[in-house]
Amino acid sequence: MADLRVNIGDLALKNPVMTASGTFGYGLEFQDFIPLEGLGGIIVKGTTLKPREGNDYPRMAETASGMLNCVGLQNKGVDYFCEHIYPQIKDIDTHMIVNVSGSSPEDYAECAARINELDRIPAIELNISCPNVRDGGMAFGVTCAGASSVVKAVREHYHKTLIVKLSPNVTDITEIARSVEAEGADSVSLINTLMGMAIDIERRKPQLSIKTGGLSGPAVKPVALRMVWQVAKAVKIPVIGLGGITRAEDAIEFLMAGATAIEIGTANFLDPTVTIKVRDGINDWLDQHGCKSLSEIRGCI
């Protein structure tokens, strides 16, 4: 067995395989399929300060080698999470990480502050692809100023491991990565979904209720891999890679591009055991190639 342990800031993971927010529920939904403690970490679905109903249906559409979604961060709010979900997940023997979203820096900060009080939640992942209500709906994550404002506000109230999830819908993702690193991010995860669209030509209307949505799945992998490679060279903090990972070989590509850990998202919908298969596949590949640990291949490209 190779040594699969990795560190994300102060967070020690037993292996580099985590789940992507929004594709794995709160983890409980998958406990009949895999041993949850076998994962490096579970990033639960997006949580906001106040409850959100999400967007109208239809809000998912299948595409070639992927899917579009515009779910809209449907959740019951951080207080519901703390009171009802946290007691159910706090004793799962892996790192339970909460994805935090908001519509203003103050929203993010207040939500993070409440999660900061939960002893068994060692980290949060900030979704800065959310629209900034004060800036005409432009996503926080597409400008350095917007991204920095969220991280700065959260860092004042949150004192554990802080991961920032970067949007790919930008000209130069390395600038955004450096800006959040400067404000105290312990790690960056990338990529979030690419903006896309699908049209029903018989109805002559978009397939999604709000016209556009986030593209995920194997189709985005080459873009994600390129961005991870760029960011890993641009920052000193650990990079978590995600986007189209469906098998161990995909994960190994991200690790070779410079990622310290990876997240698996859309593939969970096709195979609820994919995370464990990828974990075991990484170990098998390392054994077959005479590698004792992930450090031997990380960033070798």
C-alpha atoms as a PDB file:
ATOM      1  CA  MET A   1       0.000   0.000   0.000  1.00  0.00           C
ATOM      2  CA  ALA A   2       1.276   3.420  -0.962  1.00  0.00           C
ATOM      3  CA  ASP A   3       1.044   6.346   1.446  1.00  0.00           C
ATOM      4  CA  LEU A   4      -2.040   8.280   0.297  1.00  0.00           C
ATOM      5  CA  ARG A   5      -2.044  10.823   3.128  1.00  0.00           C
ATOM      6  CA  VAL A   6      -2.109  14.516   2.183  1.00  0.00           C
ATOM      7  CA  ASN A   7      -2.401  17.828   4.026  1.00  0.00           C
ATOM      8  CA  ILE A   8      -4.645  20.773   3.176  1.00  0.00           C
ATOM      9  CA  GLY A   9      -3.392  23.488   5.489  1.00  0.00           C
ATOM     10  CA  ASP A  10      -3.772  22.039   8.989  1.00  0.00           C
ATOM     11  CA  LEU A  11      -6.184  19.427   7.706  1.00  0.00           C
ATOM     12  CA  ALA A  12      -4.664  15.940   7.513  1.00  0.00           C
ATOM     13  CA  LEU A  13      -6.507  13.739   5.011  1.00  0.00           C
ATOM     14  CA  LYS A  14      -6.142   9.953   5.018  1.00  0.00           C
ATOM     15  CA  ASN A  15      -6.257  10.033   1.197  1.00  0.00           C
ATOM     16  CA  PRO A  16      -6.734  12.695  -1.511  1.00  0.00           C
ATOM     17  CA  VAL A  17     -10.253  11.728  -2.595  1.00  0.00           C
ATOM     18  CA  MET A  18     -13.081  14.061  -1.584  1.00  0.00           C
ATOM     19  CA  THR A  19     -16.585  14.690  -2.851  1.00  0.00           C
ATOM     20  CA  ALA A  20     -17.702  17.837  -4.642  1.00  0.00           C
ATOM     21  CA  SER A  21     -20.419  19.937  -3.055  1.00  0.00           C
ATOM     22  CA  GLY A  22     -23.903  19.504  -4.465  1.00  0.00           C
ATOM     23  CA  THR A  23     -23.286  15.994  -5.772  1.00  0.00           C
ATOM     24  CA  PHE A  24     -23.092  13.989  -2.552  1.00  0.00           C
ATOM     25  CA  GLY A  25     -25.838  15.470  -0.392  1.00  0.00           C
ATOM     26  CA  TYR A  26     -24.738  15.416   3.239  1.00  0.00           C
ATOM     27  CA  GLY A  27     -22.937  12.099   2.802  1.00  0.00           C
ATOM     28  CA  LEU A  28     -25.712  10.195   4.536  1.00  0.00           C
ATOM     29  CA  GLU A  29     -27.381   9.521   1.189  1.00  0.00           C
ATOM     30  CA  PHE A  30     -24.377   7.414   0.126  1.00  0.00           C
ATOM     31  CA  GLN A  31     -23.723   5.432   3.295  1.00  0.00           C
ATOM     32  CA  ASP A  32     -25.521   2.352   1.900  1.00  0.00           C
ATOM     33  CA  PHE A  33     -23.123   2.288  -1.068  1.00  0.00           C
ATOM     34  CA  ILE A  34     -19.678   3.034   0.350  1.00  0.00           C
ATOM     35  CA  PRO A  35     -17.897   3.284   3.710  1.00  0.00           C
ATOM     36  CA  LEU A  36     -17.900   7.058   4.187  1.00  0.00           C
ATOM     37  CA  GLU A  37     -14.887   6.838   6.491  1.00  0.00           C
ATOM     38  CA  GLY A  38     -12.894   5.578   3.516  1.00  0.00           C
ATOM     39  CA  LEU A  39     -12.842   9.034   1.925  1.00  0.00           C
ATOM     40  CA  GLY A  40     -10.375  11.820   2.585  1.00  0.00           C
ATOM     41  CA  GLY A  41     -13.223  14.258   3.073  1.00  0.00           C
ATOM     42  CA  ILE A  42     -16.859  14.950   2.252  1.00  0.00           C
ATOM     43  CA  ILE A  43     -17.900  18.424   1.128  1.00  0.00           C
ATOM     44  CA  VAL A  44     -21.603  18.719   1.829  1.00  0.00           C
ATOM     45  CA  LYS A  45     -24.126  20.594  -0.264  1.00  0.00           C
ATOM     46  CA  GLY A  46     -24.071  24.387  -0.362  1.00  0.00           C
ATOM     47  CA  THR A  47     -25.253  26.174   2.776  1.00  0.00           C
ATOM     48  CA  THR A  48     -26.437  29.788   2.984  1.00  0.00           C
ATOM     49  CA  LEU A  49     -27.282  32.121   5.854  1.00  0.00           C
ATOM     50  CA  LYS A  50     -31.021  32.031   5.096  1.00  0.00           C
ATOM     51  CA  PRO A  51     -33.087  29.240   3.524  1.00  0.00           C
ATOM     52  CA  ARG A  52     -33.230  29.200  -0.285  1.00  0.00           C
ATOM     53  CA  GLU A  53     -35.849  27.583  -2.494  1.00  0.00           C
ATOM     54  CA  GLY A  54     -33.570  27.374  -5.512  1.00  0.00           C
ATOM     55  CA  ASN A  55     -34.598  27.995  -9.095  1.00  0.00           C
ATOM     56  CA  ASP A  56     -37.761  26.838 -10.837  1.00  0.00           C
ATOM     57  CA  TYR A  57     -37.822  23.517 -12.660  1.00  0.00           C
ATOM     58  CA  PRO A  58     -36.483  22.323 -15.043  1.00  0.00           C
ATOM     59  CA  ARG A  59     -33.059  22.897 -13.558  1.00  0.00           C
ATOM     60  CA  MET A  60     -30.987  20.006 -14.916  1.00  0.00           C
ATOM     61  CA  ALA A  61     -30.235  18.998 -18.493  1.00  0.00           C
ATOM     62  CA  GLU A  62     -28.056  16.248 -19.911  1.00  0.00           C
ATOM     63  CA  THR A  63     -25.393  17.249 -22.420  1.00  0.00           C
ATOM     64  CA  ALA A  64     -22.728  15.433 -24.401  1.00  0.00           C
ATOM     65  CA  SER A  65     -20.252  14.077 -21.815  1.00  0.00           C
ATOM     66  CA  GLY A  66     -21.753  16.075 -19.009  1.00  0.00           C
ATOM     67  CA  MET A  67     -24.713  17.896 -17.539  1.00  0.00           C
ATOM     68  CA  LEU A  68     -26.037  21.396 -16.954  1.00  0.00           C
ATOM     69  CA  ASN A  69     -27.610  22.476 -13.689  1.00  0.00           C
ATOM     70  CA  CYS A  70     -29.173  25.613 -12.269  1.00  0.00           C
ATOM     71  CA  VAL A  71     -30.389  24.191  -8.958  1.00  0.00           C
ATOM     72  CA  GLY A  72     -29.747  27.539  -7.314  1.00  0.00           C
ATOM     73  CA  LEU A  73     -28.305  26.470  -3.934  1.00  0.00           C
ATOM     74  CA  GLN A  74     -31.552  25.083  -2.558  1.00  0.00           C
ATOM     75  CA  ASN A  75     -31.069  24.498   1.177  1.00  0.00           C
ATOM     76  CA  LYS A  76     -32.758  25.160   4.518  1.00  0.00           C
ATOM     77  CA  GLY A  77     -30.165  27.607   5.809  1.00  0.00           C
ATOM     78  CA  VAL A  78     -27.261  27.422   8.232  1.00  0.00           C
ATOM     79  CA  ASP A  79     -29.371  27.312  11.403  1.00  0.00           C
ATOM     80  CA  TYR A  80     -31.227  24.246  10.144  1.00  0.00           C
ATOM     81  CA  PHE A  81     -27.890  22.675   9.239  1.00  0.00           C
ATOM     82  CA  CYS A  82     -26.473  23.306  12.705  1.00  0.00           C
ATOM     83  CA  GLU A  83     -29.561  22.017  14.512  1.00  0.00           C
ATOM     84  CA  HIS A  84     -30.621  19.066  12.353  1.00  0.00           C
ATOM     85  CA  ILE A  85     -27.881  17.971   9.929  1.00  0.00           C
ATOM     86  CA  TYR A  86     -24.753  18.464  12.025  1.00  0.00           C
ATOM     87  CA  PRO A  87     -25.850  16.001  14.762  1.00  0.00           C
ATOM     88  CA  GLN A  88     -26.290  13.324  12.087  1.00  0.00           C
ATOM     89  CA  ILE A  89     -22.897  13.777  10.415  1.00  0.00           C
ATOM     90  CA  LYS A  90     -20.550  14.903  13.183  1.00  0.00           C
ATOM     91  CA  ASP A  91     -19.434  11.377  14.088  1.00  0.00           C
ATOM     92  CA  ILE A  92     -18.631  10.211  10.562  1.00  0.00           C
ATOM     93  CA  ASP A  93     -14.952   9.269  10.661  1.00  0.00           C
ATOM     94  CA  THR A  94     -13.704  11.584   7.951  1.00  0.00           C
ATOM     95  CA  HIS A  95     -13.437  15.337   7.468  1.00  0.00           C
ATOM     96  CA  MET A  96     -16.905  16.835   7.015  1.00  0.00           C
ATOM     97  CA  ILE A  97     -16.532  20.146   5.184  1.00  0.00           C
ATOM     98  CA  VAL A  98     -19.313  22.665   4.590  1.00  0.00           C
ATOM     99  CA  ASN A  99     -19.641  24.572   1.317  1.00  0.00           C
ATOM    100  CA  VAL A 100     -20.675  28.155   2.133  1.00  0.00           C
ATOM    101  CA  SER A 101     -22.442  30.550  -0.233  1.00  0.00           C
ATOM    102  CA  GLY A 102     -23.881  34.050   0.053  1.00  0.00           C
ATOM    103  CA  SER A 103     -25.043  37.198  -1.700  1.00  0.00           C
ATOM    104  CA  SER A 104     -22.805  39.642   0.189  1.00  0.00           C
ATOM    105  CA  PRO A 105     -19.525  39.444   2.120  1.00  0.00           C
ATOM    106  CA  GLU A 106     -21.508  39.907   5.327  1.00  0.00           C
ATOM    107  CA  ASP A 107     -23.733  36.910   4.472  1.00  0.00           C
ATOM    108  CA  TYR A 108     -20.709  34.723   3.898  1.00  0.00           C
ATOM    109  CA  ALA A 109     -19.044  35.896   7.098  1.00  0.00           C
ATOM    110  CA  GLU A 110     -22.096  35.342   9.298  1.00  0.00           C
ATOM    111  CA  CYS A 111     -22.725  31.883   7.853  1.00  0.00           C
ATOM    112  CA  ALA A 112     -19.070  30.951   8.340  1.00  0.00           C
ATOM    113  CA  ALA A 113     -19.084  32.287  11.902  1.00  0.00           C
ATOM    114  CA  ARG A 114     -21.928  29.961  12.864  1.00  0.00           C
ATOM    115  CA  ILE A 115     -20.182  26.968  11.339  1.00  0.00           C
ATOM    116  CA  ASN A 116     -16.986  27.983  13.132  1.00  0.00           C
ATOM    117  CA  GLU A 117     -18.721  27.031  16.388  1.00  0.00           C
ATOM    118  CA  LEU A 118     -19.231  23.411  15.301  1.00  0.00           C
ATOM    119  CA  ASP A 119     -16.409  21.350  16.804  1.00  0.00           C
ATOM    120  CA  ARG A 120     -16.543  18.502  14.284  1.00  0.00           C
ATOM    121  CA  ILE A 121     -16.514  20.669  11.140  1.00  0.00           C
ATOM    122  CA  PRO A 122     -12.796  21.371  10.562  1.00  0.00           C
ATOM    123  CA  ALA A 123     -13.054  23.354   7.328  1.00  0.00           C
ATOM    124  CA  ILE A 124     -15.318  25.239   4.974  1.00  0.00           C
ATOM    125  CA  GLU A 125     -15.220  25.690   1.220  1.00  0.00           C
ATOM    126  CA  LEU A 126     -16.305  29.120  -0.009  1.00  0.00           C
ATOM    127  CA  ASN A 127     -18.330  29.158  -3.206  1.00  0.00           C
ATOM    128  CA  ILE A 128     -17.420  32.543  -4.671  1.00  0.00           C
ATOM    129  CA  SER A 129     -19.269  31.851  -7.930  1.00  0.00           C
ATOM    130  CA  CYS A 130     -22.395  33.345  -6.343  1.00  0.00           C
ATOM    131  CA  PRO A 131     -23.906  36.589  -7.712  1.00  0.00           C
ATOM    132  CA  ASN A 132     -23.054  39.768  -5.823  1.00  0.00           C
ATOM    133  CA  VAL A 133     -26.373  41.516  -5.256  1.00  0.00           C
ATOM    134  CA  ARG A 134     -24.606  44.867  -4.831  1.00  0.00           C
ATOM    135  CA  ASP A 135     -22.819  44.605  -8.155  1.00  0.00           C
ATOM    136  CA  GLY A 136     -25.616  43.900 -10.598  1.00  0.00           C
ATOM    137  CA  GLY A 137     -25.415  40.131 -10.190  1.00  0.00           C
ATOM    138  CA  MET A 138     -21.775  39.739 -11.208  1.00  0.00           C
ATOM    139  CA  ALA A 139     -20.256  36.705  -9.497  1.00  0.00           C
ATOM    140  CA  PHE A 140     -17.804  37.477  -6.685  1.00  0.00           C
ATOM    141  CA  GLY A 141     -15.300  35.062  -8.134  1.00  0.00           C
ATOM    142  CA  VAL A 142     -14.802  36.756 -11.495  1.00  0.00           C
ATOM    143  CA  THR A 143     -12.868  39.754 -10.155  1.00  0.00           C
ATOM    144  CA  CYS A 144      -9.953  39.958  -7.743  1.00  0.00           C
ATOM    145  CA  ALA A 145     -11.735  42.654  -5.749  1.00  0.00           C
ATOM    146  CA  GLY A 146     -14.906  40.604  -5.405  1.00  0.00           C
ATOM    147  CA  ALA A 147     -13.088  37.414  -4.444  1.00  0.00           C
ATOM    148  CA  SER A 148     -10.839  39.228  -1.974  1.00  0.00           C
ATOM    149  CA  SER A 149     -13.777  40.975  -0.300  1.00  0.00           C
ATOM    150  CA  VAL A 150     -15.453  37.672   0.534  1.00  0.00           C
ATOM    151  CA  VAL A 151     -12.317  35.944   1.804  1.00  0.00           C
ATOM    152  CA  LYS A 152     -11.312  38.951   3.903  1.00  0.00           C
ATOM    153  CA  ALA A 153     -14.745  39.165   5.514  1.00  0.00           C
ATOM    154  CA  VAL A 154     -14.879  35.444   6.242  1.00  0.00           C
ATOM    155  CA  ARG A 155     -11.316  35.259   7.569  1.00  0.00           C
ATOM    156  CA  GLU A 156     -12.205  37.757  10.291  1.00  0.00           C
ATOM    157  CA  HIS A 157     -14.846  35.382  11.650  1.00  0.00           C
ATOM    158  CA  TYR A 158     -13.651  31.922  10.656  1.00  0.00           C
ATOM    159  CA  HIS A 159     -10.534  30.444  12.249  1.00  0.00           C
ATOM    160  CA  LYS A 160     -10.260  26.924  10.830  1.00  0.00           C
ATOM    161  CA  THR A 161      -9.141  25.623   7.429  1.00  0.00           C
ATOM    162  CA  LEU A 162     -10.486  27.856   4.662  1.00  0.00           C
ATOM    163  CA  ILE A 163     -10.782  26.503   1.113  1.00  0.00           C
ATOM    164  CA  VAL A 164     -11.897  28.859  -1.664  1.00  0.00           C
ATOM    165  CA  LYS A 165     -13.617  27.361  -4.706  1.00  0.00           C
ATOM    166  CA  LEU A 166     -12.667  29.263  -7.843  1.00  0.00           C
ATOM    167  CA  SER A 167     -14.817  30.059 -10.854  1.00  0.00           C
ATOM    168  CA  PRO A 168     -13.440  29.131 -14.290  1.00  0.00           C
ATOM    169  CA  ASN A 169     -15.488  31.863 -15.956  1.00  0.00           C
ATOM    170  CA  VAL A 170     -12.604  34.335 -15.886  1.00  0.00           C
ATOM    171  CA  THR A 171      -9.806  35.550 -18.139  1.00  0.00           C
ATOM    172  CA  ASP A 172      -6.915  34.671 -15.805  1.00  0.00           C
ATOM    173  CA  ILE A 173      -7.720  32.329 -12.936  1.00  0.00           C
ATOM    174  CA  THR A 174      -4.232  32.684 -11.455  1.00  0.00           C
ATOM    175  CA  GLU A 175      -4.939  36.333 -10.574  1.00  0.00           C
ATOM    176  CA  ILE A 176      -8.027  35.301  -8.594  1.00  0.00           C
ATOM    177  CA  ALA A 177      -6.089  32.509  -6.878  1.00  0.00           C
ATOM    178  CA  ARG A 178      -3.319  34.857  -5.797  1.00  0.00           C
ATOM    179  CA  SER A 179      -5.829  37.413  -4.519  1.00  0.00           C
ATOM    180  CA  VAL A 180      -7.591  34.933  -2.215  1.00  0.00           C
ATOM    181  CA  GLU A 181      -4.264  33.523  -1.064  1.00  0.00           C
ATOM    182  CA  ALA A 182      -3.235  37.040  -0.043  1.00  0.00           C
ATOM    183  CA  GLU A 183      -6.385  37.406   2.080  1.00  0.00           C
ATOM    184  CA  GLY A 184      -5.758  34.221   4.055  1.00  0.00           C
ATOM    185  CA  ALA A 185      -7.126  31.276   2.087  1.00  0.00           C
ATOM    186  CA  ASP A 186      -5.498  28.011   3.189  1.00  0.00           C
ATOM    187  CA  SER A 187      -6.292  26.276  -0.099  1.00  0.00           C
ATOM    188  CA  VAL A 188      -8.098  26.766  -3.400  1.00  0.00           C
ATOM    189  CA  SER A 189     -10.342  24.251  -5.150  1.00  0.00           C
ATOM    190  CA  LEU A 190     -11.026  24.417  -8.883  1.00  0.00           C
ATOM    191  CA  ILE A 191     -12.882  24.408 -11.071  1.00  0.00           C
ATOM    192  CA  ASN A 192     -16.474  25.240 -10.346  1.00  0.00           C
ATOM    193  CA  THR A 193     -18.855  24.733 -13.272  1.00  0.00           C
ATOM    194  CA  LEU A 194     -18.476  26.450 -16.632  1.00  0.00           C
ATOM    195  CA  MET A 195     -21.445  28.519 -17.774  1.00  0.00           C
ATOM    196  CA  GLY A 196     -23.368  26.790 -20.543  1.00  0.00           C
ATOM    197  CA  MET A 197     -26.721  26.508 -22.282  1.00  0.00           C
ATOM    198  CA  ALA A 198     -28.948  23.918 -23.979  1.00  0.00           C
ATOM    199  CA  ILE A 199     -31.936  24.592 -26.244  1.00  0.00           C
ATOM    200  CA  ASP A 200     -35.029  22.501 -26.955  1.00  0.00           C
ATOM    201  CA  ILE A 201     -35.389  23.047 -30.695  1.00  0.00           C
ATOM    202  CA  GLU A 202     -38.973  21.708 -30.809  1.00  0.00           C
ATOM    203  CA  ARG A 203     -40.186  24.107 -28.124  1.00  0.00           C
ATOM    204  CA  ARG A 204     -37.729  26.774 -29.290  1.00  0.00           C
ATOM    205  CA  LYS A 205     -36.851  27.476 -25.682  1.00  0.00           C
ATOM    206  CA  PRO A 206     -33.882  26.918 -23.365  1.00  0.00           C
ATOM    207  CA  GLN A 207     -33.963  23.577 -21.558  1.00  0.00           C
ATOM    208  CA  LEU A 208     -33.257  25.244 -18.202  1.00  0.00           C
ATOM    209  CA  SER A 209     -35.713  27.519 -16.407  1.00  0.00           C
ATOM    210  CA  ILE A 210     -33.231  30.395 -16.093  1.00  0.00           C
ATOM    211  CA  LYS A 211     -31.800  29.787 -19.587  1.00  0.00           C
ATOM    212  CA  THR A 212     -28.193  29.104 -18.548  1.00  0.00           C
ATOM    213  CA  GLY A 213     -26.543  26.784 -16.048  1.00  0.00           C
ATOM    214  CA  GLY A 214     -23.294  25.253 -14.866  1.00  0.00           C
ATOM    215  CA  LEU A 215     -21.654  22.630 -17.066  1.00  0.00           C
ATOM    216  CA  SER A 216     -19.948  19.721 -15.294  1.00  0.00           C
ATOM    217  CA  GLY A 217     -18.795  16.217 -16.114  1.00  0.00           C
ATOM    218  CA  PRO A 218     -16.092  14.757 -18.386  1.00  0.00           C
ATOM    219  CA  ALA A 219     -16.566  17.533 -20.940  1.00  0.00           C
ATOM    220  CA  VAL A 220     -14.914  20.091 -18.651  1.00  0.00           C
ATOM    221  CA  LYS A 221     -11.901  18.007 -17.628  1.00  0.00           C
ATOM    222  CA  PRO A 222      -9.341  19.401 -20.113  1.00  0.00           C
ATOM    223  CA  VAL A 223     -10.210  22.961 -19.065  1.00  0.00           C
ATOM    224  CA  ALA A 224     -10.097  22.065 -15.377  1.00  0.00           C
ATOM    225  CA  LEU A 225      -6.773  20.285 -15.747  1.00  0.00           C
ATOM    226  CA  ARG A 226      -5.210  23.259 -17.506  1.00  0.00           C
ATOM    227  CA  MET A 227      -6.414  25.663 -14.844  1.00  0.00           C
ATOM    228  CA  VAL A 228      -5.210  23.467 -11.972  1.00  0.00           C
ATOM    229  CA  TRP A 229      -1.785  23.266 -13.616  1.00  0.00           C
ATOM    230  CA  GLN A 230      -1.668  27.065 -13.967  1.00  0.00           C
ATOM    231  CA  VAL A 231      -2.824  27.798 -10.421  1.00  0.00           C
ATOM    232  CA  ALA A 232      -0.539  25.218  -8.815  1.00  0.00           C
ATOM    233  CA  LYS A 233       2.425  27.106 -10.263  1.00  0.00           C
ATOM    234  CA  ALA A 234       1.048  30.503  -9.207  1.00  0.00           C
ATOM    235  CA  VAL A 235       0.289  29.977  -5.500  1.00  0.00           C
ATOM    236  CA  LYS A 236       2.041  28.445  -2.501  1.00  0.00           C
ATOM    237  CA  ILE A 237      -1.098  27.037  -0.861  1.00  0.00           C
ATOM    238  CA  PRO A 238      -2.452  23.556  -1.703  1.00  0.00           C
ATOM    239  CA  VAL A 239      -4.660  23.180  -4.766  1.00  0.00           C
ATOM    240  CA  ILE A 240      -7.638  20.825  -4.873  1.00  0.00           C
ATOM    241  CA  GLY A 241      -8.529  19.725  -8.396  1.00  0.00           C
ATOM    242  CA  LEU A 242     -11.960  18.864  -9.716  1.00  0.00           C
ATOM    243  CA  GLY A 243     -13.827  18.757 -12.984  1.00  0.00           C
ATOM    244  CA  GLY A 244     -14.755  15.645 -14.923  1.00  0.00           C
ATOM    245  CA  ILE A 245     -12.976  13.065 -12.782  1.00  0.00           C
ATOM    246  CA  THR A 246     -14.565   9.654 -13.357  1.00  0.00           C
ATOM    247  CA  ARG A 247     -11.684   7.216 -12.793  1.00  0.00           C
ATOM    248  CA  ALA A 248      -8.330   6.906 -11.066  1.00  0.00           C
ATOM    249  CA  GLU A 249      -6.411   7.875 -14.193  1.00  0.00           C
ATOM    250  CA  ASP A 250      -8.237  11.222 -14.284  1.00  0.00           C
ATOM    251  CA  ALA A 251      -7.373  11.877 -10.648  1.00  0.00           C
ATOM    252  CA  ILE A 252      -3.720  11.029 -11.256  1.00  0.00           C
ATOM    253  CA  GLU A 253      -3.612  13.580 -14.083  1.00  0.00           C
ATOM    254  CA  PHE A 254      -4.769  16.272 -11.673  1.00  0.00           C
ATOM    255  CA  LEU A 255      -2.196  15.207  -9.083  1.00  0.00           C
ATOM    256  CA  MET A 256       0.556  15.314 -11.705  1.00  0.00           C
ATOM    257  CA  ALA A 257      -0.650  18.789 -12.708  1.00  0.00           C
ATOM    258  CA  GLY A 258      -0.003  19.948  -9.147  1.00  0.00           C
ATOM    259  CA  ALA A 259      -3.169  19.176  -7.173  1.00  0.00           C
ATOM    260  CA  THR A 260      -2.720  17.985  -3.594  1.00  0.00           C
ATOM    261  CA  ALA A 261      -6.210  16.451  -3.451  1.00  0.00           C
ATOM    262  CA  ILE A 262      -9.168  15.990  -5.771  1.00  0.00           C
ATOM    263  CA  GLU A 263     -12.955  16.144  -5.631  1.00  0.00           C
ATOM    264  CA  ILE A 264     -15.383  13.931  -7.521  1.00  0.00           C
ATOM    265  CA  GLY A 265     -18.766  15.385  -8.459  1.00  0.00           C
ATOM    266  CA  THR A 266     -20.962  14.498 -11.427  1.00  0.00           C
ATOM    267  CA  ALA A 267     -19.615  10.933 -11.599  1.00  0.00           C
ATOM    268  CA  ASN A 268     -21.389  10.213  -8.288  1.00  0.00           C
ATOM    269  CA  PHE A 269     -24.707  10.394 -10.139  1.00  0.00           C
ATOM    270  CA  LEU A 270     -23.630   7.616 -12.499  1.00  0.00           C
ATOM    271  CA  ASP A 271     -21.846   5.390  -9.977  1.00  0.00           C
ATOM    272  CA  PRO A 272     -22.338   5.954  -6.240  1.00  0.00           C
ATOM    273  CA  THR A 273     -19.205   3.889  -5.519  1.00  0.00           C
ATOM    274  CA  VAL A 274     -16.901   5.856  -7.834  1.00  0.00           C
ATOM    275  CA  THR A 275     -15.035   7.643  -5.017  1.00  0.00           C
ATOM    276  CA  ILE A 276     -13.822   4.404  -3.433  1.00  0.00           C
ATOM    277  CA  LYS A 277     -12.941   2.982  -6.850  1.00  0.00           C
ATOM    278  CA  VAL A 278     -10.833   6.062  -7.601  1.00  0.00           C
ATOM    279  CA  ARG A 279      -9.107   5.868  -4.210  1.00  0.00           C
ATOM    280  CA  ASP A 280      -8.206   2.226  -4.731  1.00  0.00           C
ATOM    281  CA  GLY A 281      -7.202   2.865  -8.339  1.00  0.00           C
ATOM    282  CA  ILE A 282      -4.750   5.583  -7.293  1.00  0.00           C
ATOM    283  CA  ASN A 283      -3.172   3.193  -4.814  1.00  0.00           C
ATOM    284  CA  ASP A 284      -2.923   0.424  -7.419  1.00  0.00           C
ATOM    285  CA  TRP A 285      -1.289   2.770  -9.943  1.00  0.00           C
ATOM    286  CA  LEU A 286       1.281   3.926  -7.399  1.00  0.00           C
ATOM    287  CA  ASP A 287       2.083   0.338  -6.458  1.00  0.00           C
ATOM    288  CA  GLN A 288       2.431  -0.701 -10.084  1.00  0.00           C
ATOM    289  CA  HIS A 289       4.817   2.159 -10.776  1.00  0.00           C
ATOM    290  CA  GLY A 290       6.927   1.680  -7.672  1.00  0.00           C
ATOM    291  CA  CYS A 291       5.811   4.902  -5.986  1.00  0.00           C
ATOM    292  CA  LYS A 292       5.713   4.945  -2.192  1.00  0.00           C
ATOM    293  CA  SER A 293       3.660   8.126  -1.820  1.00  0.00           C
ATOM    294  CA  LEU A 294       1.744  10.775  -3.747  1.00  0.00           C
ATOM    295  CA  SER A 295       4.590  13.234  -3.276  1.00  0.00           C
ATOM    296  CA  GLU A 296       6.546  11.336  -5.927  1.00  0.00           C
ATOM    297  CA  ILE A 297       4.118  12.345  -8.672  1.00  0.00           C
ATOM    298  CA  ARG A 298       2.560  15.581  -7.401  1.00  0.00           C
ATOM    299  CA  GLY A 299       3.296  18.467  -9.741  1.00  0.00           C
ATOM    300  CA  CYS A 300       5.640  16.421 -11.933  1.00  0.00           C
ATOM    301  CA  ILE A 301       4.291  18.071 -15.102  1.00  0.00           C
END
